[in-house]
C-alpha atoms as a PDB file:
ATOM      1  CA  MET A   1      96.123  69.790 114.868  1.00  0.00           C
ATOM      2  CA  LYS A   2      98.004  73.086 114.412  1.00  0.00           C
ATOM      3  CA  GLN A   3     100.890  71.832 116.555  1.00  0.00           C
ATOM      4  CA  LYS A   4     101.257  68.635 114.543  1.00  0.00           C
ATOM      5  CA  PHE A   5     101.141  70.661 111.341  1.00  0.00           C
ATOM      6  CA  SER A   6     103.856  73.042 112.496  1.00  0.00           C
ATOM      7  CA  VAL A   7     106.266  70.276 113.458  1.00  0.00           C
ATOM      8  CA  LEU A   8     105.848  68.457 110.186  1.00  0.00           C
ATOM      9  CA  ILE A   9     106.642  71.534 108.106  1.00  0.00           C
ATOM     10  CA  PHE A  10     110.211  71.470 109.403  1.00  0.00           C
ATOM     11  CA  LEU A  11     110.824  67.834 108.519  1.00  0.00           C
ATOM     12  CA  SER A  12     112.027  66.111 105.380  1.00  0.00           C
ATOM     13  CA  LEU A  13     111.141  67.126 101.833  1.00  0.00           C
ATOM     14  CA  THR A  14     109.217  63.887 101.375  1.00  0.00           C
ATOM     15  CA  GLN A  15     107.032  64.646 104.350  1.00  0.00           C
ATOM     16  CA  LEU A  16     106.598  68.237 103.208  1.00  0.00           C
ATOM     17  CA  SER A  17     105.128  67.059  99.921  1.00  0.00           C
ATOM     18  CA  ALA A  18     102.200  65.526 101.746  1.00  0.00           C
ATOM     19  CA  LEU A  19     101.327  68.874 103.290  1.00  0.00           C
ATOM     20  CA  PHE A  20     101.311  71.069 100.212  1.00  0.00           C
ATOM     21  CA  ALA A  21      99.459  70.353  96.986  1.00  0.00           C
ATOM     22  CA  THR A  22     100.922  73.506  95.444  1.00  0.00           C
ATOM     23  CA  ALA A  23     104.546  74.606  95.136  1.00  0.00           C
ATOM     24  CA  GLN A  24     105.378  76.881  98.071  1.00  0.00           C
ATOM     25  CA  TYR A  25     107.450  80.000  98.631  1.00  0.00           C
ATOM     26  CA  GLY A  26     110.369  79.040 100.840  1.00  0.00           C
ATOM     27  CA  ASP A  27     112.041  81.023 103.564  1.00  0.00           C
ATOM     28  CA  ARG A  28     115.257  82.871 102.725  1.00  0.00           C
ATOM     29  CA  LEU A  29     118.768  82.360 104.090  1.00  0.00           C
ATOM     30  CA  ILE A  30     121.640  84.846 104.084  1.00  0.00           C
ATOM     31  CA  VAL A  31     125.077  83.205 103.929  1.00  0.00           C
ATOM     32  CA  ASP A  32     127.982  85.643 103.776  1.00  0.00           C
ATOM     33  CA  LYS A  33     126.828  88.248 101.195  1.00  0.00           C
ATOM     34  CA  ASP A  34     124.396  86.003  99.291  1.00  0.00           C
ATOM     35  CA  THR A  35     120.723  85.246  99.863  1.00  0.00           C
ATOM     36  CA  PHE A  36     119.187  81.893  98.949  1.00  0.00           C
ATOM     37  CA  TRP A  37     115.770  80.243  99.057  1.00  0.00           C
ATOM     38  CA  ILE A  38     115.544  77.342 101.487  1.00  0.00           C
ATOM     39  CA  ASN A  39     113.250  74.324 101.724  1.00  0.00           C
ATOM     40  CA  SER A  40     112.841  74.566 105.491  1.00  0.00           C
ATOM     41  CA  ASN A  41     110.755  76.683 107.871  1.00  0.00           C
ATOM     42  CA  PRO A  42     112.432  76.954 111.309  1.00  0.00           C
ATOM     43  CA  LEU A  43     109.797  79.375 112.623  1.00  0.00           C
ATOM     44  CA  GLU A  44     107.271  76.530 112.668  1.00  0.00           C
ATOM     45  CA  VAL A  45     109.241  74.893 115.475  1.00  0.00           C
ATOM     46  CA  TYR A  46     109.071  78.182 117.412  1.00  0.00           C
ATOM     47  CA  PHE A  47     105.289  78.258 116.940  1.00  0.00           C
ATOM     48  CA  ASP A  48     105.050  74.671 118.142  1.00  0.00           C
ATOM     49  CA  LYS A  49     107.069  75.367 121.291  1.00  0.00           C
ATOM     50  CA  LYS A  50     105.037  78.517 121.907  1.00  0.00           C
ATOM     51  CA  GLY A  51     101.752  76.681 121.465  1.00  0.00           C
ATOM     52  CA  SER A  52     100.231  79.157 118.999  1.00  0.00           C
ATOM     53  CA  ARG A  53     100.842  80.577 115.518  1.00  0.00           C
ATOM     54  CA  THR A  54     100.953  84.184 116.709  1.00  0.00           C
ATOM     55  CA  ILE A  55     103.401  87.059 116.299  1.00  0.00           C
ATOM     56  CA  ASN A  56     102.729  90.118 118.472  1.00  0.00           C
ATOM     57  CA  GLY A  57      99.387  88.588 119.401  1.00  0.00           C
ATOM     58  CA  GLU A  58      98.231  88.288 115.788  1.00  0.00           C
ATOM     59  CA  THR A  59      97.619  84.868 114.230  1.00  0.00           C
ATOM     60  CA  VAL A  60      99.725  84.101 111.161  1.00  0.00           C
ATOM     61  CA  TYR A  61      97.697  82.290 108.511  1.00  0.00           C
ATOM     62  CA  GLY A  62      97.899  81.435 104.816  1.00  0.00           C
ATOM     63  CA  SER A  63      97.300  84.273 102.375  1.00  0.00           C
ATOM     64  CA  CYS A  64      97.496  82.334  99.088  1.00  0.00           C
ATOM     65  CA  THR A  65      97.845  78.777  97.835  1.00  0.00           C
ATOM     66  CA  ALA A  66     101.586  79.285  97.267  1.00  0.00           C
ATOM     67  CA  LEU A  67     102.100  80.252 100.919  1.00  0.00           C
ATOM     68  CA  TRP A  68      99.951  78.127 103.210  1.00  0.00           C
ATOM     69  CA  ARG A  69     102.027  78.982 106.290  1.00  0.00           C
ATOM     70  CA  GLY A  70     101.323  82.700 105.751  1.00  0.00           C
ATOM     71  CA  TYR A  71     104.788  84.259 105.976  1.00  0.00           C
ATOM     72  CA  VAL A  72     108.314  84.325 104.566  1.00  0.00           C
ATOM     73  CA  ALA A  73     111.086  84.481 107.158  1.00  0.00           C
ATOM     74  CA  THR A  74     114.635  85.596 106.404  1.00  0.00           C
ATOM     75  CA  TRP A  75     117.445  83.921 108.342  1.00  0.00           C
ATOM     76  CA  GLN A  76     121.163  84.597 108.542  1.00  0.00           C
ATOM     77  CA  ILE A  77     124.062  82.336 109.422  1.00  0.00           C
ATOM     78  CA  LYS A  78     126.648  84.397 111.260  1.00  0.00           C
ATOM     79  CA  SER A  79     129.512  83.214 113.473  1.00  0.00           C
ATOM     80  CA  ASP A  80     128.229  79.616 113.174  1.00  0.00           C
ATOM     81  CA  SER A  81     124.842  80.619 114.605  1.00  0.00           C
ATOM     82  CA  ILE A  82     121.450  81.170 112.966  1.00  0.00           C
ATOM     83  CA  PHE A  83     119.429  84.348 113.424  1.00  0.00           C
ATOM     84  CA  LEU A  84     115.951  85.455 112.402  1.00  0.00           C
ATOM     85  CA  VAL A  85     116.410  88.891 110.796  1.00  0.00           C
ATOM     86  CA  ARG A  86     113.131  89.564 108.969  1.00  0.00           C
ATOM     87  CA  LEU A  87     109.544  88.343 108.876  1.00  0.00           C
ATOM     88  CA  GLN A  88     107.008  89.230 106.171  1.00  0.00           C
ATOM     89  CA  THR A  89     103.357  88.400 105.601  1.00  0.00           C
ATOM     90  CA  ASP A  90     101.120  88.985 102.573  1.00  0.00           C
ATOM     91  CA  PHE A  91     104.099  87.861 100.494  1.00  0.00           C
ATOM     92  CA  CYS A  92     101.959  86.889  97.505  1.00  0.00           C
ATOM     93  CA  SER A  93     100.953  90.509  96.964  1.00  0.00           C
ATOM     94  CA  ASN A  94     103.002  93.277  95.380  1.00  0.00           C
ATOM     95  CA  ASN A  95     103.552  94.844  98.810  1.00  0.00           C
ATOM     96  CA  PRO A  96     104.559  92.323 101.497  1.00  0.00           C
ATOM     97  CA  ILE A  97     104.088  93.504 105.083  1.00  0.00           C
ATOM     98  CA  ASP A  98     106.999  93.460 107.543  1.00  0.00           C
ATOM     99  CA  LEU A  99     106.130  92.232 111.022  1.00  0.00           C
ATOM    100  CA  ASP A 100     107.796  93.819 114.051  1.00  0.00           C
ATOM    101  CA  VAL A 101     110.187  91.088 115.156  1.00  0.00           C
ATOM    102  CA  LYS A 102     111.496  93.162 118.085  1.00  0.00           C
ATOM    103  CA  THR A 103     108.080  93.348 119.757  1.00  0.00           C
ATOM    104  CA  GLU A 104     107.763  89.553 119.687  1.00  0.00           C
ATOM    105  CA  PHE A 105     111.336  88.630 120.638  1.00  0.00           C
ATOM    106  CA  GLY A 106     112.737  91.736 122.359  1.00  0.00           C
ATOM    107  CA  THR A 107     115.373  92.253 119.663  1.00  0.00           C
ATOM    108  CA  SER A 108     115.353  92.898 115.921  1.00  0.00           C
ATOM    109  CA  ILE A 109     117.995  90.215 115.254  1.00  0.00           C
ATOM    110  CA  VAL A 110     116.914  87.017 116.981  1.00  0.00           C
ATOM    111  CA  PHE A 111     119.250  84.165 117.876  1.00  0.00           C
ATOM    112  CA  ALA A 112     117.131  81.134 116.894  1.00  0.00           C
ATOM    113  CA  ASN A 113     118.135  78.795 119.714  1.00  0.00           C
ATOM    114  CA  TRP A 114     115.117  76.589 119.024  1.00  0.00           C
ATOM    115  CA  VAL A 115     116.572  75.346 115.722  1.00  0.00           C
ATOM    116  CA  ASP A 116     117.603  71.723 116.344  1.00  0.00           C
ATOM    117  CA  ASN A 117     117.314  70.318 112.866  1.00  0.00           C
ATOM    118  CA  THR A 118     118.632  70.603 109.318  1.00  0.00           C
ATOM    119  CA  ILE A 119     117.965  73.536 106.990  1.00  0.00           C
ATOM    120  CA  VAL A 120     118.032  72.715 103.286  1.00  0.00           C
ATOM    121  CA  GLN A 121     119.233  75.351 100.807  1.00  0.00           C
ATOM    122  CA  THR A 122     118.750  74.907  97.050  1.00  0.00           C
ATOM    123  CA  LYS A 123     121.461  76.100  94.683  1.00  0.00           C
ATOM    124  CA  GLY A 124     121.992  76.332  90.939  1.00  0.00           C
ATOM    125  CA  SER A 125     119.503  75.985  88.092  1.00  0.00           C
ATOM    126  CA  LEU A 126     116.036  74.545  88.535  1.00  0.00           C
ATOM    127  CA  ILE A 127     116.345  71.097  86.997  1.00  0.00           C
ATOM    128  CA  GLN A 128     112.774  69.908  87.372  1.00  0.00           C
ATOM    129  CA  TYR A 129     109.754  71.861  88.601  1.00  0.00           C
ATOM    130  CA  VAL A 130     107.261  69.909  90.690  1.00  0.00           C
ATOM    131  CA  HIS A 131     103.964  71.592  91.526  1.00  0.00           C
ATOM    132  CA  MET A 132     103.947  70.387  95.114  1.00  0.00           C
ATOM    133  CA  GLY A 133     105.487  71.805  98.282  1.00  0.00           C
ATOM    134  CA  TYR A 134     109.274  71.828  98.116  1.00  0.00           C
ATOM    135  CA  MET A 135     109.587  68.895  95.707  1.00  0.00           C
ATOM    136  CA  SER A 136     111.245  70.740  92.808  1.00  0.00           C
ATOM    137  CA  ILE A 137     114.792  69.600  92.009  1.00  0.00           C
ATOM    138  CA  PHE A 138     117.805  71.918  91.699  1.00  0.00           C
ATOM    139  CA  GLU A 139     121.419  71.294  90.706  1.00  0.00           C
ATOM    140  CA  GLN A 140     122.531  71.204  94.328  1.00  0.00           C
ATOM    141  CA  GLU A 141     121.246  71.132  97.885  1.00  0.00           C
ATOM    142  CA  ILE A 142     123.205  72.278 100.923  1.00  0.00           C
ATOM    143  CA  TYR A 143     122.302  70.801 104.296  1.00  0.00           C
ATOM    144  CA  TYR A 144     123.020  72.913 107.400  1.00  0.00           C
ATOM    145  CA  LYS A 145     122.688  70.902 110.603  1.00  0.00           C
ATOM    146  CA  PHE A 146     121.991  72.885 113.786  1.00  0.00           C
ATOM    147  CA  ASP A 147     121.893  72.098 117.485  1.00  0.00           C
ATOM    148  CA  LYS A 148     120.164  74.736 119.615  1.00  0.00           C
ATOM    149  CA  GLY A 149     120.838  77.331 116.929  1.00  0.00           C
ATOM    150  CA  ILE A 150     124.541  76.481 116.546  1.00  0.00           C
ATOM    151  CA  LEU A 151     125.806  75.213 113.184  1.00  0.00           C
ATOM    152  CA  LYS A 152     127.338  71.765 113.623  1.00  0.00           C
ATOM    153  CA  SER A 153     127.939  70.611 110.050  1.00  0.00           C
ATOM    154  CA  THR A 154     127.424  71.500 106.396  1.00  0.00           C
ATOM    155  CA  LYS A 155     126.921  68.936 103.641  1.00  0.00           C
ATOM    156  CA  VAL A 156     126.632  69.584  99.888  1.00  0.00           C
ATOM    157  CA  LYS A 157     124.723  67.199  97.613  1.00  0.00           C
ATOM    158  CA  LYS A 158     125.283  67.568  93.862  1.00  0.00           C
ATOM    159  CA  TYR A 159     122.703  65.997  91.564  1.00  0.00           C
ATOM    160  CA  VAL A 160     124.055  66.646  88.057  1.00  0.00           C
ATOM    161  CA  ARG A 161     126.929  64.769  86.440  1.00  0.00           C
ATOM    162  CA  TYR A 162     128.384  67.427  84.178  1.00  0.00           C
ATOM    163  CA  ASN A 163     129.517  66.504  80.681  1.00  0.00           C
ATOM    164  CA  ASP A 164     130.545  69.054  78.034  1.00  0.00           C
ATOM    165  CA  LYS A 165     129.152  66.831  75.292  1.00  0.00           C
ATOM    166  CA  GLN A 166     125.716  66.569  76.874  1.00  0.00           C
ATOM    167  CA  ILE A 167     122.884  69.014  77.654  1.00  0.00           C
ATOM    168  CA  LEU A 168     122.116  70.402  81.105  1.00  0.00           C
ATOM    169  CA  PRO A 169     118.519  69.253  81.722  1.00  0.00           C
ATOM    170  CA  ALA A 170     117.414  72.455  83.483  1.00  0.00           C
ATOM    171  CA  GLU A 171     113.832  72.720  82.234  1.00  0.00           C
ATOM    172  CA  ILE A 172     113.759  76.385  81.236  1.00  0.00           C
ATOM    173  CA  LEU A 173     117.130  76.256  79.472  1.00  0.00           C
ATOM    174  CA  LEU A 174     116.263  72.940  77.859  1.00  0.00           C
ATOM    175  CA  SER A 175     112.971  74.333  76.543  1.00  0.00           C
ATOM    176  CA  MET A 176     114.752  77.359  75.055  1.00  0.00           C
ATOM    177  CA  THR A 177     117.380  75.147  73.410  1.00  0.00           C
ATOM    178  CA  LEU A 178     114.826  72.811  71.858  1.00  0.00           C
ATOM    179  CA  LYS A 179     112.617  75.614  70.616  1.00  0.00           C
ATOM    180  CA  ASN A 180     115.494  77.529  69.034  1.00  0.00           C
ATOM    181  CA  LEU A 181     116.625  74.414  67.195  1.00  0.00           C
ATOM    182  CA  VAL A 182     113.139  73.887  65.794  1.00  0.00           C
ATOM    183  CA  LEU A 183     112.695  77.544  64.833  1.00  0.00           C
ATOM    184  CA  LYS A 184     115.934  77.542  62.847  1.00  0.00           C
ATOM    185  CA  GLU A 185     114.504  74.816  60.608  1.00  0.00           C
ATOM    186  CA  ILE A 186     111.323  76.720  59.715  1.00  0.00           C
ATOM    187  CA  THR A 187     111.911  78.900  56.626  1.00  0.00           C
ATOM    188  CA  LEU A 188     110.477  82.363  55.998  1.00  0.00           C
ATOM    189  CA  ASP A 189     108.372  81.008  53.140  1.00  0.00           C
ATOM    190  CA  GLU A 190     106.864  78.383  55.416  1.00  0.00           C
ATOM    191  CA  ARG A 191     106.134  80.959  58.113  1.00  0.00           C
ATOM    192  CA  ALA A 192     104.403  83.220  55.600  1.00  0.00           C
ATOM    193  CA  GLN A 193     101.814  80.507  54.957  1.00  0.00           C
ATOM    194  CA  PHE A 194     100.740  80.235  58.593  1.00  0.00           C
ATOM    195  CA  SER A 195      97.583  81.920  59.854  1.00  0.00           C
ATOM    196  CA  GLU A 196      98.302  84.543  62.529  1.00  0.00           C
ATOM    197  CA  GLY A 197      95.548  83.188  64.757  1.00  0.00           C
ATOM    198  CA  MET A 198      96.850  79.628  64.803  1.00  0.00           C
ATOM    199  CA  THR A 199      98.648  78.180  67.827  1.00  0.00           C
ATOM    200  CA  CYS A 200      99.948  74.742  68.708  1.00  0.00           C
ATOM    201  CA  SER A 201     101.992  72.931  71.318  1.00  0.00           C
ATOM    202  CA  LEU A 202     104.694  70.377  70.626  1.00  0.00           C
ATOM    203  CA  LYS A 203     105.495  67.623  73.125  1.00  0.00           C
ATOM    204  CA  ILE A 204     109.038  66.245  73.387  1.00  0.00           C
ATOM    205  CA  ILE A 205     109.357  63.182  75.609  1.00  0.00           C
ATOM    206  CA  PHE A 206     112.703  61.955  76.942  1.00  0.00           C
ATOM    207  CA  ASN A 207     113.354  58.375  78.072  1.00  0.00           C
ATOM    208  CA  LYS A 208     115.369  56.946  80.968  1.00  0.00           C
ATOM    209  CA  ASN A 209     118.437  56.791  78.730  1.00  0.00           C
ATOM    210  CA  ARG A 210     118.289  60.610  78.524  1.00  0.00           C
ATOM    211  CA  LYS A 211     117.487  60.624  74.817  1.00  0.00           C
ATOM    212  CA  ILE A 212     114.375  61.843  72.992  1.00  0.00           C
ATOM    213  CA  ASP A 213     111.821  59.046  72.896  1.00  0.00           C
ATOM    214  CA  LYS A 214     108.895  60.745  71.141  1.00  0.00           C
ATOM    215  CA  ILE A 215     108.065  64.002  69.374  1.00  0.00           C
ATOM    216  CA  GLU A 216     104.346  64.647  68.934  1.00  0.00           C
ATOM    217  CA  MET A 217     101.684  67.331  69.173  1.00  0.00           C
ATOM    218  CA  SER A 218     100.544  67.919  72.744  1.00  0.00           C
ATOM    219  CA  ASN A 219      96.793  67.659  72.160  1.00  0.00           C
ATOM    220  CA  ASN A 220      96.812  65.253  69.235  1.00  0.00           C
ATOM    221  CA  LYS A 221      99.670  62.905  68.478  1.00  0.00           C
ATOM    222  CA  GLN A 222      99.241  63.617  64.775  1.00  0.00           C
ATOM    223  CA  ALA A 223      99.326  67.062  63.154  1.00  0.00           C
ATOM    224  CA  GLN A 224      95.844  68.483  62.507  1.00  0.00           C
ATOM    225  CA  ASN A 225      96.617  71.437  60.214  1.00  0.00           C
ATOM    226  CA  PRO A 226      99.393  72.735  57.896  1.00  0.00           C
ATOM    227  CA  MET A 227     101.166  74.680  60.649  1.00  0.00           C
ATOM    228  CA  GLU A 228     101.322  71.647  62.924  1.00  0.00           C
ATOM    229  CA  GLU A 229     102.507  69.495  60.025  1.00  0.00           C
ATOM    230  CA  VAL A 230     105.438  71.830  59.342  1.00  0.00           C
ATOM    231  CA  ILE A 231     106.410  72.207  62.995  1.00  0.00           C
ATOM    232  CA  LEU A 232     106.225  68.464  63.690  1.00  0.00           C
ATOM    233  CA  LYS A 233     108.257  67.668  60.580  1.00  0.00           C
ATOM    234  CA  LYS A 234     110.906  70.294  61.305  1.00  0.00           C
ATOM    235  CA  ALA A 235     111.150  69.266  64.970  1.00  0.00           C
ATOM    236  CA  LYS A 236     111.948  65.692  63.990  1.00  0.00           C
ATOM    237  CA  ILE A 237     114.646  66.954  61.630  1.00  0.00           C
ATOM    238  CA  ALA A 238     116.141  69.460  64.065  1.00  0.00           C
ATOM    239  CA  LEU A 239     116.221  67.151  67.091  1.00  0.00           C
ATOM    240  CA  THR A 240     117.244  63.870  65.453  1.00  0.00           C
ATOM    241  CA  ASN A 241     120.856  64.031  66.622  1.00  0.00           C
ATOM    242  CA  LEU A 242     120.308  65.889  69.872  1.00  0.00           C
ATOM    243  CA  PRO A 243     122.972  64.888  72.448  1.00  0.00           C
ATOM    244  CA  LYS A 244     121.987  63.096  75.621  1.00  0.00           C
ATOM    245  CA  LEU A 245     120.883  65.012  78.672  1.00  0.00           C
ATOM    246  CA  MET A 246     123.345  65.097  81.549  1.00  0.00           C
ATOM    247  CA  LYS A 247     122.633  62.458  84.168  1.00  0.00           C
ATOM    248  CA  VAL A 248     120.627  63.597  87.217  1.00  0.00           C
ATOM    249  CA  THR A 249     121.126  61.472  90.336  1.00  0.00           C
ATOM    250  CA  HIS A 250     118.313  62.865  92.501  1.00  0.00           C
ATOM    251  CA  LYS A 251     116.052  59.969  93.534  1.00  0.00           C
ATOM    252  CA  ARG A 252     112.858  61.838  92.608  1.00  0.00           C
ATOM    253  CA  TYR A 253     114.020  62.897  89.155  1.00  0.00           C
ATOM    254  CA  TYR A 254     112.160  61.445  86.193  1.00  0.00           C
ATOM    255  CA  PRO A 255     112.728  61.788  82.418  1.00  0.00           C
ATOM    256  CA  PRO A 256     111.301  65.167  81.389  1.00  0.00           C
ATOM    257  CA  THR A 257     108.514  65.981  78.982  1.00  0.00           C
ATOM    258  CA  ILE A 258     108.965  69.409  77.413  1.00  0.00           C
ATOM    259  CA  ASN A 259     106.026  71.268  75.861  1.00  0.00           C
ATOM    260  CA  LEU A 260     106.868  73.974  73.333  1.00  0.00           C
ATOM    261  CA  PHE A 261     104.237  76.566  72.411  1.00  0.00           C
ATOM    262  CA  PHE A 262     104.133  78.092  68.932  1.00  0.00           C
ATOM    263  CA  SER A 263     102.083  81.063  67.727  1.00  0.00           C
ATOM    264  CA  GLY A 264     101.337  81.716  64.073  1.00  0.00           C
ATOM    265  CA  HIS A 265     101.538  85.450  64.740  1.00  0.00           C
ATOM    266  CA  CYS A 266     105.001  85.176  66.309  1.00  0.00           C
ATOM    267  CA  LEU A 267     106.290  82.827  63.641  1.00  0.00           C
ATOM    268  CA  LYS A 268     105.329  85.421  61.033  1.00  0.00           C
ATOM    269  CA  MET A 269     106.436  88.449  63.099  1.00  0.00           C
ATOM    270  CA  PRO A 270     109.018  87.129  65.579  1.00  0.00           C
ATOM    271  CA  LYS A 271     110.167  90.578  66.715  1.00  0.00           C
ATOM    272  CA  ASP A 272     106.728  91.810  67.782  1.00  0.00           C
ATOM    273  CA  ARG A 273     107.714  92.300  71.424  1.00  0.00           C
ATOM    274  CA  GLU A 274     104.507  94.190  72.268  1.00  0.00           C
ATOM    275  CA  TYR A 275     102.545  91.074  71.357  1.00  0.00           C
ATOM    276  CA  GLY A 276     104.909  88.971  73.465  1.00  0.00           C
ATOM    277  CA  CYS A 277     106.903  87.331  70.673  1.00  0.00           C
ATOM    278  CA  ASP A 278     110.445  86.165  71.370  1.00  0.00           C
ATOM    279  CA  GLU A 279     110.919  83.798  68.454  1.00  0.00           C
ATOM    280  CA  GLU A 280     113.747  84.745  66.104  1.00  0.00           C
END
């Protein structure tokens, strides 16, 4: 069972999604002077060929739900070859532990001649977060194809069709844009009437045409109190003429639903950083 598991981890993103019910830390890849997260785990193939998940005689196992494989490996592409340069366990803690790669492989920089597949590097903004394995979507993916550790080809896939008149649908940036537009519509007099203890969440649903389809409260479609009434009303005013989102061509992408959280305390005192407010 462990051998089958280790082989599958190195395969396609679709297959990876079946293994992990929680988004996972990736391995890291150094290319030139930059370091990137990757959606591939070449060490799993080494474990499979070895017949055990051990480094220096110690079994490597999951330490948290975001790292079922139990480690984060750092790789480097140098002179068209791939090398293992670092291996860490307990990565979910504040103090990851470095494993002694030299004891296992006889050298501290290991030529990974077992790598016979494609390593996938993500690049650019996170477009859509998916709470499962390596299913989240980024602006770009770079595919490095290896044969016995030697780089044979590199292919770049771009998933966003850029348009200066449209909005980049990166979820974090999109959420900030939408919230700022709504906040600008809420007057100081209106904010003064809100109770500090009140909170609410606004749901903004986009359709396949990349336009806003619905604006409603997250828990109840209709506003349930004066604060929700104001926020819902102002959101509909502020976002009426919002430009389209840029087109995303990734096959797993779906129209986003953005939830915006509002706090009565922060609406009244937007500069209270100690409380956690960031609403101007």
